[in-house]
Amino acid sequence: TAAHHRLDSLTVIVDRNELQAMGKTEDRMGVEPLAEKWKAFGWRVLEMDGPDMADILRVLDEAAHGDGRPVVVIAHTVKGKGVSFMEGHYFWHTRVIKPEEFAQAMADLGEPLPASEGEPR
């Protein structure tokens, strides 16, 4: 419908980390060739390196210059990128992080822990 109505101001971003709640996407339900499937429905397909801010800005700028087709951006990402115990592990789709894991994740990312309730900021 979006392609039929030439909704070139519509942009969809697909987080393509290749994982889902129960494992690798391709092991559970093949979605490839993903780009070709979107193209078959009349969408303009752009791809980007999800963790790269410069690439994000580049592709969003490119998406803004419409050609009469809606745009889908396939963002190639890594689940848990930069967190030693999370990176690439599918079970973080459903698992709740423990306080000590949160502290480790923040340290891995080089970020300070947020102030606890009642503590000065």
Protein backbone atom coordinates (compact mmCIF):
# COMPACT_ATOMS: atom_id res chain seq x y z
CA THR A 1 0.00 0.00 0.00
CA ALA A 2 2.80 2.43 0.89
CA ALA A 3 4.47 1.94 -2.50
CA HIS A 4 1.15 2.11 -4.34
CA HIS A 5 0.38 5.46 -2.73
CA ARG A 6 3.95 6.71 -3.35
CA LEU A 7 4.57 7.46 0.33
CA ASP A 8 8.15 8.59 -0.13
CA SER A 9 8.12 10.42 3.21
CA LEU A 10 7.72 7.07 4.98
CA THR A 11 10.91 5.49 6.35
CA VAL A 12 10.99 2.17 8.19
CA ILE A 13 14.10 1.03 10.06
CA VAL A 14 14.62 -2.71 10.48
CA ASP A 15 17.01 -3.71 13.26
CA ARG A 16 18.77 -6.64 11.57
CA ASN A 17 20.80 -8.12 14.42
CA GLU A 18 20.08 -11.63 13.11
CA LEU A 19 18.72 -12.75 16.48
CA GLN A 20 15.30 -13.32 17.96
CA ALA A 21 14.10 -14.48 21.37
CA MET A 22 14.84 -18.17 20.75
CA GLY A 23 18.06 -18.01 18.75
CA LYS A 24 19.36 -17.01 15.35
CA THR A 25 16.67 -15.69 13.03
CA GLU A 26 17.73 -17.86 10.12
CA ASP A 27 17.58 -21.00 12.31
CA ARG A 28 13.98 -20.23 13.29
CA MET A 29 12.47 -18.47 10.29
CA GLY A 30 14.40 -17.54 7.20
CA VAL A 31 13.98 -13.88 6.31
CA GLU A 32 16.72 -13.65 3.70
CA PRO A 33 16.95 -12.27 1.11
CA LEU A 34 15.46 -9.44 3.18
CA ALA A 35 16.38 -6.51 0.92
CA GLU A 36 14.98 -8.22 -2.17
CA LYS A 37 11.68 -8.93 -0.39
CA TRP A 38 11.22 -5.23 0.43
CA LYS A 39 12.17 -4.28 -3.13
CA ALA A 40 9.57 -6.72 -4.46
CA PHE A 41 6.90 -4.68 -2.67
CA GLY A 42 8.12 -1.45 -4.27
CA TRP A 43 10.26 -0.08 -1.44
CA ARG A 44 13.60 1.67 -1.86
CA VAL A 45 16.12 -0.25 0.26
CA LEU A 46 19.04 1.39 2.04
CA GLU A 47 21.44 -0.42 4.34
CA MET A 48 23.63 0.88 7.14
CA ASP A 49 26.06 -0.12 9.86
CA GLY A 50 23.73 0.34 12.83
CA PRO A 51 26.33 1.19 15.49
CA ASP A 52 28.06 3.80 13.28
CA MET A 53 26.55 7.26 13.94
CA ALA A 54 28.09 8.75 10.79
CA ASP A 55 26.50 5.98 8.72
CA ILE A 56 23.15 6.48 10.47
CA LEU A 57 23.20 10.19 9.57
CA ARG A 58 24.29 9.42 6.01
CA VAL A 59 21.50 6.94 5.36
CA LEU A 60 18.79 9.08 6.99
CA ASP A 61 19.87 12.00 4.81
CA GLU A 62 19.72 9.77 1.76
CA ALA A 63 16.27 8.50 2.80
CA ALA A 64 14.97 12.07 3.04
CA HIS A 65 15.51 12.60 -0.69
CA GLY A 66 12.46 10.73 -1.95
CA ASP A 67 11.97 9.26 -5.38
CA GLY A 68 8.30 8.36 -5.02
CA ARG A 69 8.90 5.12 -3.08
CA PRO A 70 8.77 4.49 0.67
CA VAL A 71 12.17 3.70 2.19
CA VAL A 72 13.25 0.79 4.34
CA VAL A 73 16.60 1.05 6.09
CA ILE A 74 18.14 -2.25 7.07
CA ALA A 75 20.33 -1.48 10.07
CA HIS A 76 22.95 -4.18 10.51
CA THR A 77 23.43 -4.22 14.26
CA VAL A 78 24.95 -6.41 16.97
CA LYS A 79 22.75 -7.22 19.95
CA GLY A 80 24.35 -5.89 23.13
CA LYS A 81 27.19 -4.18 21.23
CA GLY A 82 30.00 -3.15 23.56
CA VAL A 83 28.79 -5.04 26.62
CA SER A 84 31.11 -7.97 27.26
CA PHE A 85 28.55 -10.48 28.49
CA MET A 86 25.64 -9.37 26.26
CA GLU A 87 27.15 -8.93 22.81
CA GLY A 88 25.70 -11.37 20.31
CA HIS A 89 23.59 -13.34 22.81
CA TYR A 90 19.93 -13.84 21.87
CA PHE A 91 18.69 -14.48 25.41
CA TRP A 92 18.92 -10.76 26.22
CA HIS A 93 15.65 -10.36 24.28
CA THR A 94 13.85 -11.74 27.32
CA ARG A 95 16.25 -11.80 30.26
CA VAL A 96 16.10 -9.17 33.00
CA ILE A 97 19.43 -7.59 33.89
CA LYS A 98 20.63 -7.91 37.50
CA PRO A 99 22.06 -4.88 39.34
CA GLU A 100 25.63 -6.22 39.23
CA GLU A 101 25.26 -6.94 35.49
CA PHE A 102 23.99 -3.41 34.94
CA ALA A 103 27.06 -2.04 36.73
CA GLN A 104 29.31 -4.17 34.51
CA ALA A 105 27.46 -3.08 31.37
CA MET A 106 27.85 0.59 32.25
CA ALA A 107 31.55 0.05 32.94
CA ASP A 108 31.97 -1.76 29.60
CA LEU A 109 30.36 1.22 27.87
CA GLY A 110 32.49 3.73 29.79
CA GLU A 111 29.42 5.31 31.36
CA PRO A 112 28.91 6.31 35.01
CA LEU A 113 26.21 4.61 37.01
CA PRO A 114 23.13 6.80 37.38
CA ALA A 115 22.44 8.21 40.85
CA SER A 116 20.17 6.05 42.98
CA GLU A 117 16.91 7.44 44.24
CA GLY A 118 17.61 9.87 47.07
CA GLU A 119 21.26 10.38 46.11
CA PRO A 120 22.45 13.76 44.81
CA ARG A 121 22.99 13.90 41.07
